[in-house]
Amino acid sequence: MLVLALVAPLTVFGGSSEPPKPFKAWYLSFFAPDYMDVWLETVDVTDIRGNTYTEAMQGTVSIHQPEDGSGAPAGWPEYVGAGAGVHLNRLEVPERIFVRWQSLTEPQTYRVTLEVPESARELMRKPEKVNCPITGWATDYRNAVTIGLAPGGIAKLWVSGPCFKGTEILRVQAEIEPMGPDQGQSDGEYALSLEPAAKAYIEKHGIPYGSW
């Protein structure tokens, strides 16, 4: 389950000549590999107009953790859709996304700024004919941004939509947050303990670094 918080006011820093989004809202979501527990400390989103939401999201990222150990954390899934997240109707398409998170499996705290290229925004604005399982053929948009977070500080970004397979845009190596978890406010304590299934899997198989 992803616990979300939209607690900060929208602040404006500048503008852009890029065209507006052709949909009411776009969807930002996160996921992590099986058993690789993640706690989002903050997500700050800046759009092409210079509008910024600070602390737009925070909480635990929904993770697949079969108790029988049958999960497959190595690598990313072939099909990447939208995970648990939030609709951003007051923001234009994204210019940059700052993420600070706790990788509870290691444990380690990371931070990264994802600079979203114009090519990704063009893809989000482009209407395309697509065959949806429920509605059939229709014109739709890739109005979702999905970010995967993995141990070792790997962050990967896809653009997708309700009827589209995710298109990979970025893979970035985050840096270690020098202040540690919770910006040093928790005396080095991490937000949560590992789930029992995650702890059992890691003790038996380890963390598949290098697969993400």
N, C-alpha and C. Protein backbone atom coordinates (compact mmCIF):
# COMPACT_ATOMS: atom_id res chain seq x y z
N MET A 1 0.84 -1.20 0.00
CA MET A 1 0.00 0.00 0.00
C MET A 1 0.87 1.24 0.00
N LEU A 2 0.50 2.24 -0.81
CA LEU A 2 1.25 3.48 -0.85
C LEU A 2 0.48 4.53 -0.09
N VAL A 3 1.06 5.05 0.97
CA VAL A 3 0.42 6.09 1.76
C VAL A 3 0.82 7.43 1.16
N LEU A 4 -0.16 8.18 0.67
CA LEU A 4 0.12 9.40 -0.06
C LEU A 4 -0.14 10.61 0.81
N ALA A 5 0.59 11.69 0.51
CA ALA A 5 0.33 12.96 1.18
C ALA A 5 0.49 14.08 0.17
N LEU A 6 -0.56 14.88 0.02
CA LEU A 6 -0.48 16.09 -0.77
C LEU A 6 -0.60 17.24 0.22
N VAL A 7 0.50 17.55 0.86
CA VAL A 7 0.43 18.42 2.03
C VAL A 7 0.99 19.80 1.79
N ALA A 8 1.78 19.99 0.74
CA ALA A 8 2.44 21.27 0.53
C ALA A 8 1.70 22.09 -0.51
N PRO A 9 1.74 23.41 -0.40
CA PRO A 9 1.10 24.25 -1.41
C PRO A 9 1.84 24.19 -2.73
N LEU A 10 1.12 24.50 -3.78
CA LEU A 10 1.74 24.59 -5.10
C LEU A 10 2.49 25.90 -5.19
N THR A 11 3.77 25.83 -5.55
CA THR A 11 4.57 27.04 -5.67
C THR A 11 5.00 27.23 -7.11
N VAL A 12 5.14 28.46 -7.54
CA VAL A 12 5.45 28.77 -8.92
C VAL A 12 6.80 29.47 -9.01
N PHE A 13 7.68 28.96 -9.88
CA PHE A 13 9.02 29.51 -10.00
C PHE A 13 9.31 30.09 -11.38
N GLY A 14 8.52 29.82 -12.39
CA GLY A 14 8.85 30.31 -13.72
C GLY A 14 7.82 29.89 -14.73
N GLY A 15 8.20 29.84 -16.01
CA GLY A 15 7.26 29.49 -17.05
C GLY A 15 7.93 28.74 -18.17
N SER A 16 7.12 28.37 -19.18
CA SER A 16 7.63 27.62 -20.32
C SER A 16 6.75 27.90 -21.52
N SER A 17 7.33 27.81 -22.69
CA SER A 17 6.57 27.99 -23.92
C SER A 17 6.03 26.68 -24.47
N GLU A 18 6.27 25.58 -23.77
CA GLU A 18 5.78 24.29 -24.22
C GLU A 18 4.25 24.25 -24.17
N PRO A 19 3.62 23.50 -25.08
CA PRO A 19 2.15 23.44 -25.10
C PRO A 19 1.59 22.75 -23.86
N PRO A 20 0.34 23.05 -23.52
CA PRO A 20 -0.26 22.43 -22.33
C PRO A 20 -0.60 20.96 -22.58
N LYS A 21 -0.85 20.27 -21.51
CA LYS A 21 -1.21 18.85 -21.62
C LYS A 21 -2.62 18.73 -22.20
N PRO A 22 -2.87 17.68 -22.98
CA PRO A 22 -4.18 17.50 -23.62
C PRO A 22 -5.15 16.68 -22.77
N PHE A 23 -4.82 16.44 -21.51
CA PHE A 23 -5.68 15.67 -20.61
C PHE A 23 -5.80 16.44 -19.30
N LYS A 24 -6.80 16.12 -18.51
CA LYS A 24 -7.07 16.87 -17.29
C LYS A 24 -5.98 16.67 -16.25
N ALA A 25 -5.48 15.46 -16.12
CA ALA A 25 -4.49 15.14 -15.09
C ALA A 25 -3.55 14.07 -15.62
N TRP A 26 -2.35 14.01 -15.05
CA TRP A 26 -1.47 12.88 -15.31
C TRP A 26 -1.19 12.17 -14.00
N TYR A 27 -0.81 10.92 -14.12
CA TYR A 27 -0.73 10.04 -12.96
C TYR A 27 0.73 9.70 -12.67
N LEU A 28 1.16 9.91 -11.47
CA LEU A 28 2.52 9.58 -11.03
C LEU A 28 2.45 8.42 -10.05
N SER A 29 3.24 7.37 -10.32
CA SER A 29 3.20 6.21 -9.43
C SER A 29 4.58 5.60 -9.28
N PHE A 30 4.72 4.76 -8.26
CA PHE A 30 5.99 4.11 -7.94
C PHE A 30 5.77 2.62 -7.70
N PHE A 31 6.83 1.85 -7.96
CA PHE A 31 6.82 0.44 -7.57
C PHE A 31 8.26 0.02 -7.29
N ALA A 32 8.41 -1.14 -6.69
CA ALA A 32 9.73 -1.69 -6.38
C ALA A 32 9.72 -3.18 -6.71
N PRO A 33 10.89 -3.77 -6.96
CA PRO A 33 10.94 -5.21 -7.22
C PRO A 33 10.40 -6.03 -6.04
N ASP A 34 10.00 -7.24 -6.33
CA ASP A 34 9.49 -8.13 -5.27
C ASP A 34 10.45 -8.17 -4.08
N TYR A 35 9.91 -8.05 -2.90
CA TYR A 35 10.62 -8.16 -1.62
C TYR A 35 11.55 -6.98 -1.31
N MET A 36 11.74 -6.08 -2.23
CA MET A 36 12.70 -4.99 -2.03
C MET A 36 12.01 -3.77 -1.43
N ASP A 37 11.72 -3.83 -0.14
CA ASP A 37 10.91 -2.83 0.55
C ASP A 37 11.45 -1.41 0.39
N VAL A 38 10.53 -0.47 0.14
CA VAL A 38 10.88 0.94 -0.07
C VAL A 38 9.96 1.83 0.75
N TRP A 39 10.55 2.86 1.33
CA TRP A 39 9.77 3.91 2.00
C TRP A 39 10.12 5.24 1.31
N LEU A 40 9.12 5.87 0.73
CA LEU A 40 9.31 7.18 0.11
C LEU A 40 9.33 8.26 1.18
N GLU A 41 10.44 9.00 1.26
CA GLU A 41 10.49 10.12 2.19
C GLU A 41 9.83 11.36 1.59
N THR A 42 10.14 11.64 0.34
CA THR A 42 9.49 12.76 -0.34
C THR A 42 9.61 12.62 -1.84
N VAL A 43 8.63 13.19 -2.52
CA VAL A 43 8.65 13.31 -3.98
C VAL A 43 8.24 14.74 -4.30
N ASP A 44 9.14 15.48 -4.95
CA ASP A 44 8.87 16.87 -5.32
C ASP A 44 8.81 16.93 -6.84
N VAL A 45 7.72 17.44 -7.37
CA VAL A 45 7.47 17.43 -8.81
C VAL A 45 7.40 18.85 -9.34
N THR A 46 8.19 19.13 -10.38
CA THR A 46 8.17 20.43 -11.05
C THR A 46 7.71 20.23 -12.49
N ASP A 47 6.71 21.02 -12.90
CA ASP A 47 6.22 20.88 -14.27
C ASP A 47 6.87 21.90 -15.20
N ILE A 48 6.48 21.89 -16.46
CA ILE A 48 7.12 22.75 -17.47
C ILE A 48 6.82 24.23 -17.28
N ARG A 49 5.83 24.55 -16.46
CA ARG A 49 5.50 25.95 -16.19
C ARG A 49 6.26 26.49 -14.98
N GLY A 50 7.03 25.61 -14.32
CA GLY A 50 7.74 26.02 -13.12
C GLY A 50 6.94 25.79 -11.85
N ASN A 51 5.74 25.23 -11.98
CA ASN A 51 4.94 24.90 -10.79
C ASN A 51 5.56 23.70 -10.08
N THR A 52 5.66 23.75 -8.77
CA THR A 52 6.28 22.66 -8.01
C THR A 52 5.39 22.25 -6.85
N TYR A 53 5.17 20.94 -6.75
CA TYR A 53 4.59 20.35 -5.55
C TYR A 53 5.73 19.74 -4.75
N THR A 54 5.95 20.23 -3.54
CA THR A 54 6.89 19.58 -2.64
C THR A 54 6.13 18.59 -1.77
N GLU A 55 6.79 17.49 -1.44
CA GLU A 55 6.17 16.43 -0.64
C GLU A 55 4.85 15.99 -1.26
N ALA A 56 4.86 15.82 -2.58
CA ALA A 56 3.64 15.41 -3.27
C ALA A 56 3.23 13.99 -2.90
N MET A 57 4.21 13.15 -2.56
CA MET A 57 3.92 11.78 -2.17
C MET A 57 4.90 11.33 -1.10
N GLN A 58 4.46 10.44 -0.25
CA GLN A 58 5.34 9.79 0.72
C GLN A 58 4.65 8.54 1.26
N GLY A 59 5.44 7.59 1.71
CA GLY A 59 4.87 6.38 2.30
C GLY A 59 5.51 5.12 1.75
N THR A 60 4.86 4.00 2.00
CA THR A 60 5.40 2.71 1.57
C THR A 60 4.94 2.40 0.16
N VAL A 61 5.84 1.85 -0.63
CA VAL A 61 5.52 1.47 -2.00
C VAL A 61 4.99 0.03 -2.01
N SER A 62 3.88 -0.16 -2.67
CA SER A 62 3.27 -1.48 -2.76
C SER A 62 4.24 -2.47 -3.40
N ILE A 63 4.45 -3.59 -2.73
CA ILE A 63 5.44 -4.56 -3.16
C ILE A 63 4.83 -5.96 -3.15
N HIS A 64 5.17 -6.76 -4.18
CA HIS A 64 4.70 -8.13 -4.27
C HIS A 64 5.61 -9.02 -3.43
N GLN A 65 5.05 -9.65 -2.39
CA GLN A 65 5.85 -10.44 -1.47
C GLN A 65 5.20 -11.79 -1.17
N PRO A 66 5.25 -12.74 -2.12
CA PRO A 66 4.69 -14.06 -1.85
C PRO A 66 5.39 -14.72 -0.66
N GLU A 67 4.62 -15.20 0.27
CA GLU A 67 5.21 -15.79 1.48
C GLU A 67 5.93 -17.10 1.19
N ASP A 68 5.63 -17.73 0.06
CA ASP A 68 6.30 -18.99 -0.27
C ASP A 68 7.64 -18.78 -0.96
N GLY A 69 8.06 -17.51 -1.09
CA GLY A 69 9.35 -17.23 -1.69
C GLY A 69 9.40 -17.32 -3.20
N SER A 70 8.23 -17.35 -3.83
CA SER A 70 8.17 -17.53 -5.29
C SER A 70 8.29 -16.21 -6.06
N GLY A 71 8.48 -15.11 -5.37
CA GLY A 71 8.65 -13.83 -6.05
C GLY A 71 9.92 -13.80 -6.90
N ALA A 72 9.96 -12.86 -7.84
CA ALA A 72 11.11 -12.75 -8.74
C ALA A 72 11.61 -11.31 -8.76
N PRO A 73 12.47 -10.93 -7.81
CA PRO A 73 12.89 -9.54 -7.72
C PRO A 73 13.91 -9.11 -8.77
N ALA A 74 14.65 -10.04 -9.35
CA ALA A 74 15.70 -9.67 -10.30
C ALA A 74 15.09 -9.10 -11.58
N GLY A 75 15.63 -7.97 -12.03
CA GLY A 75 15.18 -7.36 -13.27
C GLY A 75 13.85 -6.65 -13.14
N TRP A 76 13.48 -5.96 -14.23
CA TRP A 76 12.22 -5.24 -14.26
C TRP A 76 11.20 -6.06 -15.04
N PRO A 77 9.91 -5.90 -14.75
CA PRO A 77 8.90 -6.66 -15.49
C PRO A 77 8.84 -6.23 -16.95
N GLU A 78 8.42 -7.15 -17.81
CA GLU A 78 8.31 -6.85 -19.23
C GLU A 78 7.22 -5.82 -19.48
N TYR A 79 6.14 -5.94 -18.73
CA TYR A 79 5.04 -4.99 -18.87
C TYR A 79 5.01 -4.10 -17.64
N VAL A 80 5.19 -2.82 -17.83
CA VAL A 80 5.16 -1.87 -16.73
C VAL A 80 3.94 -0.97 -16.89
N GLY A 81 3.00 -1.11 -15.98
CA GLY A 81 1.82 -0.25 -15.97
C GLY A 81 1.95 0.76 -14.86
N ALA A 82 0.84 1.27 -14.41
CA ALA A 82 0.84 2.25 -13.33
C ALA A 82 0.71 1.52 -11.99
N GLY A 83 1.51 1.93 -11.02
CA GLY A 83 1.41 1.39 -9.67
C GLY A 83 0.53 2.28 -8.81
N ALA A 84 0.67 2.15 -7.50
CA ALA A 84 -0.07 3.03 -6.59
C ALA A 84 0.52 4.42 -6.66
N GLY A 85 -0.33 5.42 -6.76
CA GLY A 85 0.20 6.77 -6.90
C GLY A 85 -0.85 7.83 -6.74
N VAL A 86 -0.69 8.93 -7.47
CA VAL A 86 -1.55 10.09 -7.29
C VAL A 86 -1.78 10.78 -8.63
N HIS A 87 -2.99 11.30 -8.82
CA HIS A 87 -3.30 12.10 -10.00
C HIS A 87 -2.91 13.55 -9.73
N LEU A 88 -2.19 14.14 -10.68
CA LEU A 88 -1.73 15.52 -10.54
C LEU A 88 -2.47 16.38 -11.56
N ASN A 89 -3.59 16.95 -11.14
CA ASN A 89 -4.39 17.72 -12.08
C ASN A 89 -4.01 19.20 -12.12
N ARG A 90 -3.25 19.67 -11.15
CA ARG A 90 -2.86 21.08 -11.14
C ARG A 90 -1.49 21.31 -11.80
N LEU A 91 -0.85 20.23 -12.15
CA LEU A 91 0.47 20.33 -12.78
C LEU A 91 0.39 20.04 -14.27
N GLU A 92 1.24 20.74 -15.02
CA GLU A 92 1.45 20.38 -16.41
C GLU A 92 2.35 19.14 -16.46
N VAL A 93 2.70 18.68 -17.65
CA VAL A 93 3.57 17.52 -17.77
C VAL A 93 4.92 17.83 -17.11
N PRO A 94 5.61 16.81 -16.59
CA PRO A 94 6.76 17.05 -15.71
C PRO A 94 8.03 17.48 -16.43
N GLU A 95 8.77 18.34 -15.76
CA GLU A 95 10.11 18.71 -16.20
C GLU A 95 11.17 17.98 -15.39
N ARG A 96 10.92 17.89 -14.07
CA ARG A 96 11.84 17.15 -13.21
C ARG A 96 11.08 16.59 -12.02
N ILE A 97 11.60 15.48 -11.51
CA ILE A 97 11.01 14.83 -10.34
C ILE A 97 12.14 14.49 -9.37
N PHE A 98 12.08 15.06 -8.17
CA PHE A 98 13.06 14.75 -7.13
C PHE A 98 12.48 13.68 -6.22
N VAL A 99 13.27 12.64 -5.96
CA VAL A 99 12.83 11.54 -5.10
C VAL A 99 13.89 11.28 -4.04
N ARG A 100 13.47 11.17 -2.81
CA ARG A 100 14.34 10.72 -1.72
C ARG A 100 13.63 9.55 -1.05
N TRP A 101 14.36 8.42 -0.97
CA TRP A 101 13.71 7.22 -0.46
C TRP A 101 14.66 6.38 0.37
N GLN A 102 14.05 5.55 1.21
CA GLN A 102 14.78 4.58 2.02
C GLN A 102 14.64 3.20 1.38
N SER A 103 15.77 2.60 1.03
CA SER A 103 15.80 1.22 0.58
C SER A 103 15.95 0.36 1.84
N LEU A 104 14.83 -0.16 2.31
CA LEU A 104 14.82 -0.84 3.61
C LEU A 104 15.55 -2.17 3.58
N THR A 105 15.75 -2.75 2.41
CA THR A 105 16.42 -4.04 2.32
C THR A 105 17.92 -3.94 2.61
N GLU A 106 18.52 -2.77 2.43
CA GLU A 106 19.99 -2.68 2.55
C GLU A 106 20.48 -2.44 3.97
N PRO A 107 20.07 -1.54 4.77
CA PRO A 107 19.26 -0.38 4.44
C PRO A 107 20.14 0.79 4.00
N GLN A 108 19.56 1.68 3.18
CA GLN A 108 20.29 2.86 2.71
C GLN A 108 19.27 3.91 2.27
N THR A 109 19.67 5.16 2.34
CA THR A 109 18.80 6.25 1.90
C THR A 109 19.41 6.90 0.67
N TYR A 110 18.58 7.12 -0.35
CA TYR A 110 19.04 7.66 -1.62
C TYR A 110 18.25 8.92 -2.00
N ARG A 111 18.86 9.71 -2.89
CA ARG A 111 18.16 10.85 -3.47
C ARG A 111 18.58 10.99 -4.93
N VAL A 112 17.63 11.47 -5.73
CA VAL A 112 17.92 11.64 -7.16
C VAL A 112 16.94 12.66 -7.74
N THR A 113 17.42 13.40 -8.73
CA THR A 113 16.56 14.27 -9.52
C THR A 113 16.47 13.70 -10.92
N LEU A 114 15.27 13.35 -11.34
CA LEU A 114 15.03 12.80 -12.66
C LEU A 114 14.65 13.95 -13.59
N GLU A 115 15.51 14.25 -14.53
CA GLU A 115 15.26 15.29 -15.53
C GLU A 115 14.50 14.65 -16.69
N VAL A 116 13.24 14.98 -16.81
CA VAL A 116 12.40 14.35 -17.82
C VAL A 116 12.65 15.03 -19.17
N PRO A 117 13.07 14.28 -20.19
CA PRO A 117 13.39 14.90 -21.48
C PRO A 117 12.15 15.33 -22.24
N GLU A 118 12.34 16.27 -23.14
CA GLU A 118 11.22 16.75 -23.96
C GLU A 118 10.60 15.62 -24.77
N SER A 119 11.41 14.65 -25.19
CA SER A 119 10.87 13.52 -25.96
C SER A 119 9.80 12.77 -25.18
N ALA A 120 9.96 12.67 -23.85
CA ALA A 120 8.96 11.99 -23.03
C ALA A 120 7.68 12.81 -22.97
N ARG A 121 7.81 14.12 -22.85
CA ARG A 121 6.62 14.97 -22.80
C ARG A 121 5.88 14.95 -24.15
N GLU A 122 6.63 14.92 -25.23
CA GLU A 122 6.00 14.80 -26.55
C GLU A 122 5.22 13.50 -26.66
N LEU A 123 5.79 12.43 -26.11
CA LEU A 123 5.11 11.14 -26.14
C LEU A 123 3.83 11.19 -25.32
N MET A 124 3.86 11.89 -24.19
CA MET A 124 2.67 12.00 -23.35
C MET A 124 1.57 12.80 -24.05
N ARG A 125 1.93 13.78 -24.85
CA ARG A 125 0.93 14.64 -25.50
C ARG A 125 0.41 14.03 -26.81
N LYS A 126 1.04 13.01 -27.29
CA LYS A 126 0.71 12.46 -28.61
C LYS A 126 -0.51 11.54 -28.54
N PRO A 127 -1.60 11.86 -29.24
CA PRO A 127 -2.75 10.95 -29.27
C PRO A 127 -2.45 9.77 -30.19
N GLU A 128 -2.85 8.58 -29.73
CA GLU A 128 -2.60 7.39 -30.54
C GLU A 128 -3.79 6.45 -30.48
N LYS A 129 -4.01 5.76 -31.58
CA LYS A 129 -5.02 4.71 -31.61
C LYS A 129 -4.48 3.49 -30.88
N VAL A 130 -5.26 2.98 -29.96
CA VAL A 130 -4.81 1.84 -29.17
C VAL A 130 -6.01 0.92 -28.92
N ASN A 131 -5.75 -0.37 -28.86
CA ASN A 131 -6.81 -1.35 -28.62
C ASN A 131 -6.83 -1.71 -27.14
N CYS A 132 -7.81 -1.19 -26.42
CA CYS A 132 -7.95 -1.48 -24.99
C CYS A 132 -8.77 -2.75 -24.80
N PRO A 133 -8.40 -3.58 -23.82
CA PRO A 133 -9.13 -4.83 -23.59
C PRO A 133 -10.61 -4.63 -23.32
N ILE A 134 -10.97 -3.53 -22.64
CA ILE A 134 -12.37 -3.32 -22.26
C ILE A 134 -13.13 -2.49 -23.28
N THR A 135 -12.54 -1.38 -23.73
CA THR A 135 -13.25 -0.44 -24.59
C THR A 135 -13.01 -0.66 -26.08
N GLY A 136 -12.03 -1.50 -26.43
CA GLY A 136 -11.71 -1.70 -27.83
C GLY A 136 -10.85 -0.56 -28.36
N TRP A 137 -10.87 -0.37 -29.68
CA TRP A 137 -10.03 0.64 -30.30
C TRP A 137 -10.52 2.04 -29.95
N ALA A 138 -9.56 2.88 -29.55
CA ALA A 138 -9.90 4.26 -29.20
C ALA A 138 -8.63 5.11 -29.30
N THR A 139 -8.80 6.41 -29.33
CA THR A 139 -7.67 7.33 -29.29
C THR A 139 -7.41 7.70 -27.83
N ASP A 140 -6.18 7.51 -27.39
CA ASP A 140 -5.87 7.75 -25.99
C ASP A 140 -4.46 8.33 -25.86
N TYR A 141 -4.08 8.65 -24.61
CA TYR A 141 -2.78 9.27 -24.35
C TYR A 141 -2.00 8.46 -23.31
N ARG A 142 -0.69 8.60 -23.37
CA ARG A 142 0.18 8.08 -22.32
C ARG A 142 0.26 9.14 -21.23
N ASN A 143 -0.67 9.09 -20.31
CA ASN A 143 -0.79 10.14 -19.30
C ASN A 143 -0.35 9.67 -17.91
N ALA A 144 0.59 8.73 -17.91
CA ALA A 144 1.08 8.21 -16.63
C ALA A 144 2.60 8.12 -16.65
N VAL A 145 3.19 8.47 -15.53
CA VAL A 145 4.64 8.34 -15.32
C VAL A 145 4.84 7.35 -14.18
N THR A 146 5.58 6.29 -14.44
CA THR A 146 5.84 5.26 -13.43
C THR A 146 7.33 5.22 -13.15
N ILE A 147 7.68 5.18 -11.87
CA ILE A 147 9.08 5.14 -11.45
C ILE A 147 9.32 3.89 -10.62
N GLY A 148 10.32 3.13 -11.03
CA GLY A 148 10.74 1.96 -10.26
C GLY A 148 11.97 2.28 -9.44
N LEU A 149 11.99 1.84 -8.19
CA LEU A 149 13.10 2.08 -7.27
C LEU A 149 13.67 0.75 -6.82
N ALA A 150 14.99 0.57 -6.97
CA ALA A 150 15.61 -0.70 -6.63
C ALA A 150 16.83 -0.49 -5.75
N PRO A 151 17.23 -1.52 -4.99
CA PRO A 151 18.44 -1.42 -4.17
C PRO A 151 19.65 -1.01 -5.00
N GLY A 152 20.60 -0.37 -4.32
CA GLY A 152 21.76 0.16 -5.01
C GLY A 152 21.53 1.56 -5.52
N GLY A 153 20.32 2.11 -5.30
CA GLY A 153 20.02 3.46 -5.73
C GLY A 153 19.64 3.58 -7.19
N ILE A 154 19.05 2.53 -7.76
CA ILE A 154 18.64 2.57 -9.16
C ILE A 154 17.21 3.11 -9.25
N ALA A 155 17.03 4.12 -10.10
CA ALA A 155 15.70 4.66 -10.37
C ALA A 155 15.46 4.60 -11.87
N LYS A 156 14.30 4.09 -12.25
CA LYS A 156 13.98 3.95 -13.67
C LYS A 156 12.59 4.56 -13.92
N LEU A 157 12.44 5.26 -15.04
CA LEU A 157 11.20 5.97 -15.33
C LEU A 157 10.62 5.48 -16.65
N TRP A 158 9.32 5.21 -16.63
CA TRP A 158 8.56 4.83 -17.82
C TRP A 158 7.40 5.81 -18.01
N VAL A 159 6.99 5.98 -19.25
CA VAL A 159 5.75 6.69 -19.58
C VAL A 159 4.77 5.66 -20.11
N SER A 160 3.55 5.69 -19.59
CA SER A 160 2.57 4.70 -20.00
C SER A 160 1.17 5.32 -19.95
N GLY A 161 0.17 4.49 -20.08
CA GLY A 161 -1.21 4.91 -20.01
C GLY A 161 -2.08 3.71 -19.76
N PRO A 162 -3.39 3.91 -19.54
CA PRO A 162 -4.27 2.79 -19.21
C PRO A 162 -4.23 1.66 -20.24
N CYS A 163 -3.99 2.00 -21.51
CA CYS A 163 -4.03 0.99 -22.57
C CYS A 163 -2.68 0.80 -23.26
N PHE A 164 -1.62 1.40 -22.71
CA PHE A 164 -0.31 1.35 -23.35
C PHE A 164 0.70 0.57 -22.49
N LYS A 165 1.56 -0.15 -23.16
CA LYS A 165 2.71 -0.73 -22.49
C LYS A 165 3.69 0.39 -22.15
N GLY A 166 4.33 0.32 -20.99
CA GLY A 166 5.25 1.36 -20.58
C GLY A 166 6.43 1.51 -21.53
N THR A 167 6.80 2.75 -21.81
CA THR A 167 7.97 3.06 -22.63
C THR A 167 9.08 3.56 -21.73
N GLU A 168 10.22 2.87 -21.73
CA GLU A 168 11.33 3.28 -20.88
C GLU A 168 11.91 4.62 -21.34
N ILE A 169 12.11 5.52 -20.38
CA ILE A 169 12.63 6.85 -20.68
C ILE A 169 14.01 7.07 -20.05
N LEU A 170 14.16 6.74 -18.78
CA LEU A 170 15.39 7.03 -18.05
C LEU A 170 15.77 5.88 -17.13
N ARG A 171 17.07 5.70 -16.97
CA ARG A 171 17.61 4.87 -15.89
C ARG A 171 18.73 5.67 -15.24
N VAL A 172 18.61 5.95 -13.95
CA VAL A 172 19.52 6.86 -13.27
C VAL A 172 20.07 6.21 -12.01
N GLN A 173 21.35 6.46 -11.75
CA GLN A 173 21.98 6.04 -10.50
C GLN A 173 21.84 7.17 -9.49
N ALA A 174 21.11 6.92 -8.42
CA ALA A 174 20.94 7.92 -7.37
C ALA A 174 22.19 8.02 -6.51
N GLU A 175 22.28 9.09 -5.76
CA GLU A 175 23.37 9.24 -4.80
C GLU A 175 22.87 8.93 -3.40
N ILE A 176 23.80 8.53 -2.54
CA ILE A 176 23.44 8.27 -1.15
C ILE A 176 23.15 9.59 -0.45
N GLU A 177 22.06 9.64 0.28
CA GLU A 177 21.72 10.83 1.06
C GLU A 177 22.67 10.93 2.25
N PRO A 178 23.53 11.96 2.28
CA PRO A 178 24.54 12.04 3.34
C PRO A 178 23.97 12.22 4.74
N MET A 179 22.74 12.74 4.83
CA MET A 179 22.14 12.96 6.15
C MET A 179 21.46 11.72 6.69
N GLY A 180 21.41 10.66 5.88
CA GLY A 180 20.79 9.42 6.34
C GLY A 180 19.28 9.47 6.29
N PRO A 181 18.63 8.49 6.90
CA PRO A 181 17.17 8.44 6.86
C PRO A 181 16.54 9.63 7.56
N ASP A 182 15.44 10.08 6.98
CA ASP A 182 14.64 11.16 7.59
C ASP A 182 15.47 12.41 7.83
N GLN A 183 16.43 12.67 6.93
CA GLN A 183 17.26 13.87 7.02
C GLN A 183 17.95 14.02 8.38
N GLY A 184 18.29 12.88 8.96
CA GLY A 184 18.98 12.88 10.24
C GLY A 184 18.08 13.12 11.44
N GLN A 185 16.78 13.16 11.23
CA GLN A 185 15.85 13.46 12.32
C GLN A 185 15.43 12.22 13.12
N SER A 186 15.83 11.04 12.64
CA SER A 186 15.38 9.81 13.32
C SER A 186 16.54 9.05 13.97
N ASP A 187 17.67 9.75 14.17
CA ASP A 187 18.84 9.12 14.80
C ASP A 187 19.27 7.84 14.08
N GLY A 188 19.18 7.86 12.76
CA GLY A 188 19.62 6.72 11.96
C GLY A 188 18.63 5.58 11.85
N GLU A 189 17.47 5.74 12.48
CA GLU A 189 16.47 4.68 12.41
C GLU A 189 15.68 4.78 11.11
N TYR A 190 15.43 3.62 10.49
CA TYR A 190 14.65 3.61 9.26
C TYR A 190 13.17 3.54 9.58
N ALA A 191 12.35 3.91 8.59
CA ALA A 191 10.92 4.09 8.83
C ALA A 191 10.22 2.81 9.27
N LEU A 192 10.61 1.68 8.65
CA LEU A 192 9.94 0.42 8.92
C LEU A 192 10.94 -0.73 8.97
N SER A 193 10.54 -1.80 9.62
CA SER A 193 11.31 -3.04 9.56
C SER A 193 10.90 -3.80 8.30
N LEU A 194 11.78 -4.68 7.85
CA LEU A 194 11.45 -5.51 6.69
C LEU A 194 10.24 -6.39 6.99
N GLU A 195 9.41 -6.57 5.97
CA GLU A 195 8.31 -7.53 6.10
C GLU A 195 8.91 -8.93 6.25
N PRO A 196 8.26 -9.82 7.00
CA PRO A 196 8.82 -11.17 7.22
C PRO A 196 9.17 -11.90 5.93
N ALA A 197 8.31 -11.80 4.91
CA ALA A 197 8.59 -12.51 3.65
C ALA A 197 9.83 -11.94 2.97
N ALA A 198 9.99 -10.62 3.05
CA ALA A 198 11.16 -9.99 2.45
C ALA A 198 12.43 -10.40 3.19
N LYS A 199 12.36 -10.39 4.51
CA LYS A 199 13.52 -10.77 5.33
C LYS A 199 13.94 -12.20 5.04
N ALA A 200 12.96 -13.10 4.94
CA ALA A 200 13.26 -14.51 4.68
C ALA A 200 13.86 -14.69 3.29
N TYR A 201 13.34 -13.98 2.30
CA TYR A 201 13.87 -14.12 0.94
C TYR A 201 15.31 -13.62 0.86
N ILE A 202 15.57 -12.47 1.44
CA ILE A 202 16.91 -11.88 1.35
C ILE A 202 17.93 -12.73 2.11
N GLU A 203 17.54 -13.26 3.26
CA GLU A 203 18.45 -14.11 4.02
C GLU A 203 18.83 -15.36 3.22
N LYS A 204 17.89 -15.85 2.40
CA LYS A 204 18.15 -17.07 1.64
C LYS A 204 18.84 -16.79 0.31
N HIS A 205 18.43 -15.70 -0.38
CA HIS A 205 18.89 -15.48 -1.75
C HIS A 205 19.77 -14.26 -1.92
N GLY A 206 19.74 -13.35 -0.95
CA GLY A 206 20.50 -12.11 -1.09
C GLY A 206 19.76 -11.10 -1.97
N ILE A 207 20.43 -10.00 -2.26
CA ILE A 207 19.86 -8.93 -3.09
C ILE A 207 20.48 -9.02 -4.49
N PRO A 208 19.68 -9.11 -5.54
CA PRO A 208 20.23 -9.29 -6.89
C PRO A 208 20.74 -7.98 -7.51
N TYR A 209 21.76 -7.41 -6.88
CA TYR A 209 22.37 -6.19 -7.42
C TYR A 209 22.83 -6.44 -8.86
N GLY A 210 22.78 -5.41 -9.67
CA GLY A 210 23.23 -5.53 -11.05
C GLY A 210 22.16 -5.99 -12.02
N SER A 211 20.99 -6.41 -11.51
CA SER A 211 19.94 -6.90 -12.40
C SER A 211 18.97 -5.81 -12.81
N TRP A 212 19.11 -4.64 -12.18
CA TRP A 212 18.17 -3.55 -12.48
C TRP A 212 18.79 -2.47 -13.35
